[in-house]
Amino acid sequence: QREPIYDPTDSESLEVFMEYWRVERERCKNGIRIADGQIKVPGRLYFHTVYGHIARYIDIKAGEKTKQVKKITQPVLRDIDWDIANDLEQCELEGRFYALVGARGFGKSVIAASRAGYQYTFFDNSEAVISAGAESYIKLTTDKIEDGLTNIHPFFKKQRILNDWKKEVKAGWKDKKSNQPDPKSSNSKIIIRNYQSGNNTMAANGTRPGFHLIDEFLRTGCSGDFDFS
């Protein structure tokens, strides 16, 4: 895709620019159909692969040797990402929880972080809760969310009223005169909760999340990410 040039002095090009981004926002929220309409790409998958940014290792040649360097870059489209995106769509339709369990290293936290950033970006007044039994597990996910939000396209980037990755991140801005949140603010939130190895079972009380991640859940005898959508 080629983004149109932003020129506010030219009404025609401005109209083309705004229509392009209206379509892109619609694709991110509701998905896109390809192959003459036969295949649907879910909105969260479109967002993840087109506008998402993650930290991953890139092979770089240094003379005769090849070394791996960690960089913030766009994710590749993998079959597993597509499968999980379809699963999440189905879970939302059926009102089910979703358990994502597997070996380390295939991207469970990256997928969850992308989902939280997606909701925060496109749905006003929404809540995403990121939780775990220990602060170290929470930070692994919140760092990945911040990677995505910091490097997101400027058209989708949101100002923040609150910016505390140990408690809450909230989108919006304050009125200069009253110093209160502007009524037009998005007010989408990412809320952080620590279950403290099961000693704080009421940690998420009072929240109303559209997405709730419980990371590194160990009390059932298995380890993995649990996406409560």
C-alpha atoms as a PDB file:
ATOM      1  CA  GLN A   1       0.000   0.000   0.000  1.00  0.00           C
ATOM      2  CA  ARG A   2       1.076   3.556  -0.612  1.00  0.00           C
ATOM      3  CA  GLU A   3      -0.094   6.179   1.865  1.00  0.00           C
ATOM      4  CA  PRO A   4      -1.466   9.399   0.357  1.00  0.00           C
ATOM      5  CA  ILE A   5       0.391  12.627   1.017  1.00  0.00           C
ATOM      6  CA  TYR A   6      -1.037  14.853   3.737  1.00  0.00           C
ATOM      7  CA  ASP A   7      -1.561  18.369   2.395  1.00  0.00           C
ATOM      8  CA  PRO A   8      -4.111  20.368   4.397  1.00  0.00           C
ATOM      9  CA  THR A   9      -3.916  23.236   1.884  1.00  0.00           C
ATOM     10  CA  ASP A  10      -5.300  21.043  -0.928  1.00  0.00           C
ATOM     11  CA  SER A  11      -8.921  20.052  -0.297  1.00  0.00           C
ATOM     12  CA  GLU A  12      -8.851  17.238  -2.868  1.00  0.00           C
ATOM     13  CA  SER A  13      -5.721  15.567  -1.539  1.00  0.00           C
ATOM     14  CA  LEU A  14      -6.966  16.078   2.024  1.00  0.00           C
ATOM     15  CA  GLU A  15     -10.174  14.228   1.150  1.00  0.00           C
ATOM     16  CA  VAL A  16      -8.157  11.356  -0.342  1.00  0.00           C
ATOM     17  CA  PHE A  17      -5.970  11.273   2.771  1.00  0.00           C
ATOM     18  CA  MET A  18      -8.905  11.145   5.198  1.00  0.00           C
ATOM     19  CA  GLU A  19     -10.724   8.481   3.169  1.00  0.00           C
ATOM     20  CA  TYR A  20      -7.609   6.301   3.078  1.00  0.00           C
ATOM     21  CA  TRP A  21      -7.303   6.368   6.858  1.00  0.00           C
ATOM     22  CA  ARG A  22     -11.036   5.871   7.338  1.00  0.00           C
ATOM     23  CA  VAL A  23     -10.724   2.629   5.344  1.00  0.00           C
ATOM     24  CA  GLU A  24      -7.608   1.567   7.270  1.00  0.00           C
ATOM     25  CA  ARG A  25      -9.317   2.129  10.600  1.00  0.00           C
ATOM     26  CA  GLU A  26     -12.286   0.090   9.383  1.00  0.00           C
ATOM     27  CA  ARG A  27      -9.971  -2.736   8.305  1.00  0.00           C
ATOM     28  CA  CYS A  28      -8.248  -2.759  11.688  1.00  0.00           C
ATOM     29  CA  LYS A  29     -11.552  -2.886  13.549  1.00  0.00           C
ATOM     30  CA  ASN A  30     -13.582  -5.245  11.348  1.00  0.00           C
ATOM     31  CA  GLY A  31     -11.063  -7.062   9.154  1.00  0.00           C
ATOM     32  CA  ILE A  32     -10.614  -7.331   5.415  1.00  0.00           C
ATOM     33  CA  ARG A  33     -11.584  -9.907   2.804  1.00  0.00           C
ATOM     34  CA  ILE A  34      -9.077 -11.137   0.222  1.00  0.00           C
ATOM     35  CA  ALA A  35      -9.042 -13.717  -2.607  1.00  0.00           C
ATOM     36  CA  ASP A  36     -12.247 -12.319  -4.142  1.00  0.00           C
ATOM     37  CA  GLY A  37     -13.926 -12.281  -0.751  1.00  0.00           C
ATOM     38  CA  GLN A  38     -13.302 -15.953   0.012  1.00  0.00           C
ATOM     39  CA  ILE A  39     -10.924 -15.385   2.954  1.00  0.00           C
ATOM     40  CA  LYS A  40     -11.368 -13.017   5.864  1.00  0.00           C
ATOM     41  CA  VAL A  41      -8.377 -11.533   7.668  1.00  0.00           C
ATOM     42  CA  PRO A  42      -9.555 -10.609  11.198  1.00  0.00           C
ATOM     43  CA  GLY A  43      -9.120  -6.974  12.172  1.00  0.00           C
ATOM     44  CA  ARG A  44      -6.710  -7.689  15.024  1.00  0.00           C
ATOM     45  CA  LEU A  45      -4.521  -9.746  12.674  1.00  0.00           C
ATOM     46  CA  TYR A  46      -4.537  -6.988  10.046  1.00  0.00           C
ATOM     47  CA  PHE A  47      -3.551  -4.467  12.711  1.00  0.00           C
ATOM     48  CA  HIS A  48      -0.831  -6.737  14.122  1.00  0.00           C
ATOM     49  CA  THR A  49       0.891  -7.451  10.826  1.00  0.00           C
ATOM     50  CA  VAL A  50       0.411  -4.069   9.097  1.00  0.00           C
ATOM     51  CA  TYR A  51       0.757  -1.594  11.978  1.00  0.00           C
ATOM     52  CA  GLY A  52       2.201  -3.665  14.830  1.00  0.00           C
ATOM     53  CA  HIS A  53       5.808  -3.424  16.035  1.00  0.00           C
ATOM     54  CA  ILE A  54       7.637  -6.025  18.093  1.00  0.00           C
ATOM     55  CA  ALA A  55      11.169  -6.685  19.289  1.00  0.00           C
ATOM     56  CA  ARG A  56      12.673  -9.570  17.324  1.00  0.00           C
ATOM     57  CA  TYR A  57      16.052 -10.815  16.236  1.00  0.00           C
ATOM     58  CA  ILE A  58      17.233  -9.989  12.706  1.00  0.00           C
ATOM     59  CA  ASP A  59      20.118 -11.727  10.943  1.00  0.00           C
ATOM     60  CA  ILE A  60      22.780  -9.201   9.903  1.00  0.00           C
ATOM     61  CA  LYS A  61      25.945 -10.031   8.000  1.00  0.00           C
ATOM     62  CA  ALA A  62      29.196  -8.779   9.515  1.00  0.00           C
ATOM     63  CA  GLY A  63      31.947  -9.701   7.095  1.00  0.00           C
ATOM     64  CA  GLU A  64      31.862 -13.452   6.628  1.00  0.00           C
ATOM     65  CA  LYS A  65      29.815 -14.013   9.759  1.00  0.00           C
ATOM     66  CA  THR A  66      26.113 -13.578  10.458  1.00  0.00           C
ATOM     67  CA  LYS A  67      24.979 -12.267  13.807  1.00  0.00           C
ATOM     68  CA  GLN A  68      21.565 -11.710  15.324  1.00  0.00           C
ATOM     69  CA  VAL A  69      20.615  -8.191  16.372  1.00  0.00           C
ATOM     70  CA  LYS A  70      17.497  -7.321  18.358  1.00  0.00           C
ATOM     71  CA  LYS A  71      15.401  -4.648  16.640  1.00  0.00           C
ATOM     72  CA  ILE A  72      11.929  -3.161  16.839  1.00  0.00           C
ATOM     73  CA  THR A  73      10.281  -4.095  13.575  1.00  0.00           C
ATOM     74  CA  GLN A  74       7.009  -5.269  12.054  1.00  0.00           C
ATOM     75  CA  PRO A  75       6.062  -8.881  12.811  1.00  0.00           C
ATOM     76  CA  VAL A  76       5.910 -11.498  10.088  1.00  0.00           C
ATOM     77  CA  LEU A  77       2.596 -13.182   9.299  1.00  0.00           C
ATOM     78  CA  ARG A  78       2.710 -16.709  10.714  1.00  0.00           C
ATOM     79  CA  ASP A  79       0.124 -19.462  10.509  1.00  0.00           C
ATOM     80  CA  ILE A  80      -0.116 -19.563  14.308  1.00  0.00           C
ATOM     81  CA  ASP A  81      -0.974 -15.844  14.478  1.00  0.00           C
ATOM     82  CA  TRP A  82      -3.771 -16.385  11.958  1.00  0.00           C
ATOM     83  CA  ASP A  83      -5.090 -19.437  13.853  1.00  0.00           C
ATOM     84  CA  ILE A  84      -5.136 -17.575  17.175  1.00  0.00           C
ATOM     85  CA  ALA A  85      -6.782 -14.495  15.628  1.00  0.00           C
ATOM     86  CA  ASN A  86      -9.562 -16.713  14.248  1.00  0.00           C
ATOM     87  CA  ASP A  87      -9.900 -18.438  17.640  1.00  0.00           C
ATOM     88  CA  LEU A  88     -10.268 -15.102  19.422  1.00  0.00           C
ATOM     89  CA  GLU A  89     -12.970 -13.981  16.989  1.00  0.00           C
ATOM     90  CA  GLN A  90     -14.889 -17.201  17.651  1.00  0.00           C
ATOM     91  CA  CYS A  91     -14.448 -16.887  21.422  1.00  0.00           C
ATOM     92  CA  GLU A  92     -15.881 -13.389  21.371  1.00  0.00           C
ATOM     93  CA  LEU A  93     -18.903 -14.562  19.385  1.00  0.00           C
ATOM     94  CA  GLU A  94     -19.513 -17.448  21.801  1.00  0.00           C
ATOM     95  CA  GLY A  95     -18.555 -15.633  25.010  1.00  0.00           C
ATOM     96  CA  ARG A  96     -15.754 -18.055  25.853  1.00  0.00           C
ATOM     97  CA  PHE A  97     -12.406 -17.707  27.621  1.00  0.00           C
ATOM     98  CA  TYR A  98      -9.273 -18.540  25.656  1.00  0.00           C
ATOM     99  CA  ALA A  99      -6.273 -20.418  27.054  1.00  0.00           C
ATOM    100  CA  LEU A 100      -3.017 -20.123  25.129  1.00  0.00           C
ATOM    101  CA  VAL A 101      -0.543 -22.671  26.458  1.00  0.00           C
ATOM    102  CA  GLY A 102       2.686 -23.931  24.907  1.00  0.00           C
ATOM    103  CA  ALA A 103       6.463 -24.035  24.897  1.00  0.00           C
ATOM    104  CA  ARG A 104       8.417 -20.861  25.479  1.00  0.00           C
ATOM    105  CA  GLY A 105       9.436 -18.732  22.548  1.00  0.00           C
ATOM    106  CA  PHE A 106       6.559 -18.957  20.072  1.00  0.00           C
ATOM    107  CA  GLY A 107       5.195 -15.515  20.958  1.00  0.00           C
ATOM    108  CA  LYS A 108       2.388 -15.906  23.494  1.00  0.00           C
ATOM    109  CA  SER A 109       3.168 -12.624  25.250  1.00  0.00           C
ATOM    110  CA  VAL A 110       3.667 -10.814  21.933  1.00  0.00           C
ATOM    111  CA  ILE A 111       0.233 -11.935  20.737  1.00  0.00           C
ATOM    112  CA  ALA A 112      -1.380 -10.886  24.022  1.00  0.00           C
ATOM    113  CA  ALA A 113       0.422  -7.530  24.027  1.00  0.00           C
ATOM    114  CA  SER A 114      -0.739  -6.834  20.490  1.00  0.00           C
ATOM    115  CA  ARG A 115      -4.326  -7.622  21.488  1.00  0.00           C
ATOM    116  CA  ALA A 116      -4.190  -5.203  24.432  1.00  0.00           C
ATOM    117  CA  GLY A 117      -2.670  -2.439  22.288  1.00  0.00           C
ATOM    118  CA  TYR A 118      -5.295  -3.063  19.613  1.00  0.00           C
ATOM    119  CA  GLN A 119      -8.187  -2.565  22.019  1.00  0.00           C
ATOM    120  CA  TYR A 120      -6.586   0.507  23.597  1.00  0.00           C
ATOM    121  CA  THR A 121      -6.045   2.080  20.177  1.00  0.00           C
ATOM    122  CA  PHE A 122      -9.401   1.520  18.493  1.00  0.00           C
ATOM    123  CA  PHE A 123     -12.075   1.389  21.197  1.00  0.00           C
ATOM    124  CA  ASP A 124     -12.894   4.440  23.307  1.00  0.00           C
ATOM    125  CA  ASN A 125     -13.747   3.946  26.985  1.00  0.00           C
ATOM    126  CA  SER A 126     -12.420   0.383  26.840  1.00  0.00           C
ATOM    127  CA  GLU A 127     -10.448  -1.447  29.537  1.00  0.00           C
ATOM    128  CA  ALA A 128      -7.704  -4.016  29.092  1.00  0.00           C
ATOM    129  CA  VAL A 129      -6.334  -5.675  32.222  1.00  0.00           C
ATOM    130  CA  ILE A 130      -2.802  -7.095  32.251  1.00  0.00           C
ATOM    131  CA  SER A 131      -2.210  -9.346  35.236  1.00  0.00           C
ATOM    132  CA  ALA A 132       0.041 -12.085  36.551  1.00  0.00           C
ATOM    133  CA  GLY A 133       1.216 -13.658  39.767  1.00  0.00           C
ATOM    134  CA  ALA A 134       4.416 -11.603  39.872  1.00  0.00           C
ATOM    135  CA  GLU A 135       5.585  -8.163  38.700  1.00  0.00           C
ATOM    136  CA  SER A 136       8.343  -9.635  36.516  1.00  0.00           C
ATOM    137  CA  TYR A 137       5.788 -11.485  34.354  1.00  0.00           C
ATOM    138  CA  ILE A 138       3.629  -8.391  34.043  1.00  0.00           C
ATOM    139  CA  LYS A 139       6.608  -6.312  32.892  1.00  0.00           C
ATOM    140  CA  LEU A 140       7.420  -8.799  30.112  1.00  0.00           C
ATOM    141  CA  THR A 141       4.008  -8.090  28.606  1.00  0.00           C
ATOM    142  CA  THR A 142       3.750  -4.353  29.314  1.00  0.00           C
ATOM    143  CA  ASP A 143       7.171  -3.767  27.728  1.00  0.00           C
ATOM    144  CA  LYS A 144       5.849  -5.420  24.571  1.00  0.00           C
ATOM    145  CA  ILE A 145       2.677  -3.328  24.629  1.00  0.00           C
ATOM    146  CA  GLU A 146       4.787  -0.178  24.910  1.00  0.00           C
ATOM    147  CA  ASP A 147       6.962  -1.308  21.987  1.00  0.00           C
ATOM    148  CA  GLY A 148       3.820  -1.435  19.862  1.00  0.00           C
ATOM    149  CA  LEU A 149       2.231   1.808  21.076  1.00  0.00           C
ATOM    150  CA  THR A 150       5.443   3.840  20.897  1.00  0.00           C
ATOM    151  CA  ASN A 151       6.118   2.812  17.311  1.00  0.00           C
ATOM    152  CA  ILE A 152       2.556   2.767  16.004  1.00  0.00           C
ATOM    153  CA  HIS A 153       1.722   4.929  12.983  1.00  0.00           C
ATOM    154  CA  PRO A 154       1.254   8.592  14.030  1.00  0.00           C
ATOM    155  CA  PHE A 155      -2.310   8.566  12.687  1.00  0.00           C
ATOM    156  CA  PHE A 156      -3.298   6.009  15.335  1.00  0.00           C
ATOM    157  CA  LYS A 157      -1.109   7.211  18.208  1.00  0.00           C
ATOM    158  CA  LYS A 158      -2.911   8.522  21.300  1.00  0.00           C
ATOM    159  CA  GLN A 159      -1.937  11.091  23.899  1.00  0.00           C
ATOM    160  CA  ARG A 160      -1.936   9.879  27.504  1.00  0.00           C
ATOM    161  CA  ILE A 161      -3.443  11.311  30.659  1.00  0.00           C
ATOM    162  CA  LEU A 162      -1.885   8.554  32.781  1.00  0.00           C
ATOM    163  CA  ASN A 163       1.333   6.744  31.917  1.00  0.00           C
ATOM    164  CA  ASP A 164       2.256   4.364  34.736  1.00  0.00           C
ATOM    165  CA  TRP A 165       2.986   0.814  33.563  1.00  0.00           C
ATOM    166  CA  LYS A 166       2.826  -0.438  37.152  1.00  0.00           C
ATOM    167  CA  LYS A 167      -0.734   0.849  37.672  1.00  0.00           C
ATOM    168  CA  GLU A 168      -2.561   2.300  34.683  1.00  0.00           C
ATOM    169  CA  VAL A 169      -2.134   3.834  31.240  1.00  0.00           C
ATOM    170  CA  LYS A 170      -5.033   6.001  30.070  1.00  0.00           C
ATOM    171  CA  ALA A 171      -5.539   7.723  26.717  1.00  0.00           C
ATOM    172  CA  GLY A 172      -6.638  11.331  26.478  1.00  0.00           C
ATOM    173  CA  TRP A 173      -5.599  14.893  27.156  1.00  0.00           C
ATOM    174  CA  LYS A 174      -6.421  17.621  29.663  1.00  0.00           C
ATOM    175  CA  ASP A 175      -8.238  20.877  29.041  1.00  0.00           C
ATOM    176  CA  LYS A 176      -5.723  23.720  29.381  1.00  0.00           C
ATOM    177  CA  LYS A 177      -8.102  25.929  31.354  1.00  0.00           C
ATOM    178  CA  SER A 178      -9.601  23.437  33.806  1.00  0.00           C
ATOM    179  CA  ASN A 179      -6.703  20.940  33.900  1.00  0.00           C
ATOM    180  CA  GLN A 180      -9.372  18.211  33.776  1.00  0.00           C
ATOM    181  CA  PRO A 181      -9.634  15.428  31.176  1.00  0.00           C
ATOM    182  CA  ASP A 182     -11.136  16.810  27.988  1.00  0.00           C
ATOM    183  CA  PRO A 183     -14.652  15.420  27.313  1.00  0.00           C
ATOM    184  CA  LYS A 184     -13.499  14.329  23.841  1.00  0.00           C
ATOM    185  CA  SER A 185     -10.709  12.154  25.271  1.00  0.00           C
ATOM    186  CA  SER A 186     -10.715   8.481  24.304  1.00  0.00           C
ATOM    187  CA  ASN A 187     -10.408   7.306  27.933  1.00  0.00           C
ATOM    188  CA  SER A 188      -9.312   3.836  26.838  1.00  0.00           C
ATOM    189  CA  LYS A 189      -7.268   2.168  29.591  1.00  0.00           C
ATOM    190  CA  ILE A 190      -4.685  -0.509  30.185  1.00  0.00           C
ATOM    191  CA  ILE A 191      -4.888  -1.497  33.852  1.00  0.00           C
ATOM    192  CA  ILE A 192      -2.156  -3.423  35.659  1.00  0.00           C
ATOM    193  CA  ARG A 193      -3.015  -5.932  38.399  1.00  0.00           C
ATOM    194  CA  ASN A 194      -0.716  -8.241  40.400  1.00  0.00           C
ATOM    195  CA  TYR A 195      -2.189 -11.386  41.976  1.00  0.00           C
ATOM    196  CA  GLN A 196       1.001 -11.793  44.041  1.00  0.00           C
ATOM    197  CA  SER A 197       1.342 -15.557  43.608  1.00  0.00           C
ATOM    198  CA  GLY A 198      -2.310 -16.066  44.543  1.00  0.00           C
ATOM    199  CA  ASN A 199      -2.157 -14.034  47.753  1.00  0.00           C
ATOM    200  CA  ASN A 200      -4.171 -11.164  46.246  1.00  0.00           C
ATOM    201  CA  THR A 201      -7.064 -12.987  44.607  1.00  0.00           C
ATOM    202  CA  MET A 202      -9.227  -9.838  44.451  1.00  0.00           C
ATOM    203  CA  ALA A 203      -6.645  -7.818  42.485  1.00  0.00           C
ATOM    204  CA  ALA A 204      -8.877  -7.245  39.454  1.00  0.00           C
ATOM    205  CA  ASN A 205     -12.042  -6.407  41.394  1.00  0.00           C
ATOM    206  CA  GLY A 206     -13.721  -3.240  40.153  1.00  0.00           C
ATOM    207  CA  THR A 207     -12.394  -3.525  36.600  1.00  0.00           C
ATOM    208  CA  ARG A 208     -14.606  -4.059  33.546  1.00  0.00           C
ATOM    209  CA  PRO A 209     -12.184  -5.379  30.927  1.00  0.00           C
ATOM    210  CA  GLY A 210     -13.009  -6.176  27.357  1.00  0.00           C
ATOM    211  CA  PHE A 211      -9.702  -8.040  27.433  1.00  0.00           C
ATOM    212  CA  HIS A 212      -8.004  -9.599  30.464  1.00  0.00           C
ATOM    213  CA  LEU A 213      -4.645 -11.334  30.256  1.00  0.00           C
ATOM    214  CA  ILE A 214      -3.489 -13.568  33.101  1.00  0.00           C
ATOM    215  CA  ASP A 215       0.133 -14.319  32.300  1.00  0.00           C
ATOM    216  CA  GLU A 216       2.195 -17.264  33.604  1.00  0.00           C
ATOM    217  CA  PHE A 217      -0.720 -18.926  35.358  1.00  0.00           C
ATOM    218  CA  LEU A 218       0.788 -21.691  37.526  1.00  0.00           C
ATOM    219  CA  ARG A 219      -1.892 -22.765  39.969  1.00  0.00           C
ATOM    220  CA  THR A 220      -3.350 -25.446  37.689  1.00  0.00           C
ATOM    221  CA  GLY A 221      -0.008 -27.175  37.194  1.00  0.00           C
ATOM    222  CA  CYS A 222       0.713 -25.673  33.768  1.00  0.00           C
ATOM    223  CA  SER A 223       2.416 -22.545  32.562  1.00  0.00           C
ATOM    224  CA  GLY A 224       1.143 -20.265  29.827  1.00  0.00           C
ATOM    225  CA  ASP A 225      -0.839 -17.170  28.894  1.00  0.00           C
ATOM    226  CA  PHE A 226      -4.567 -17.046  29.471  1.00  0.00           C
ATOM    227  CA  ASP A 227      -6.508 -14.525  27.423  1.00  0.00           C
ATOM    228  CA  PHE A 228      -9.836 -13.758  29.069  1.00  0.00           C
ATOM    229  CA  SER A 229     -11.619 -11.812  26.313  1.00  0.00           C
END
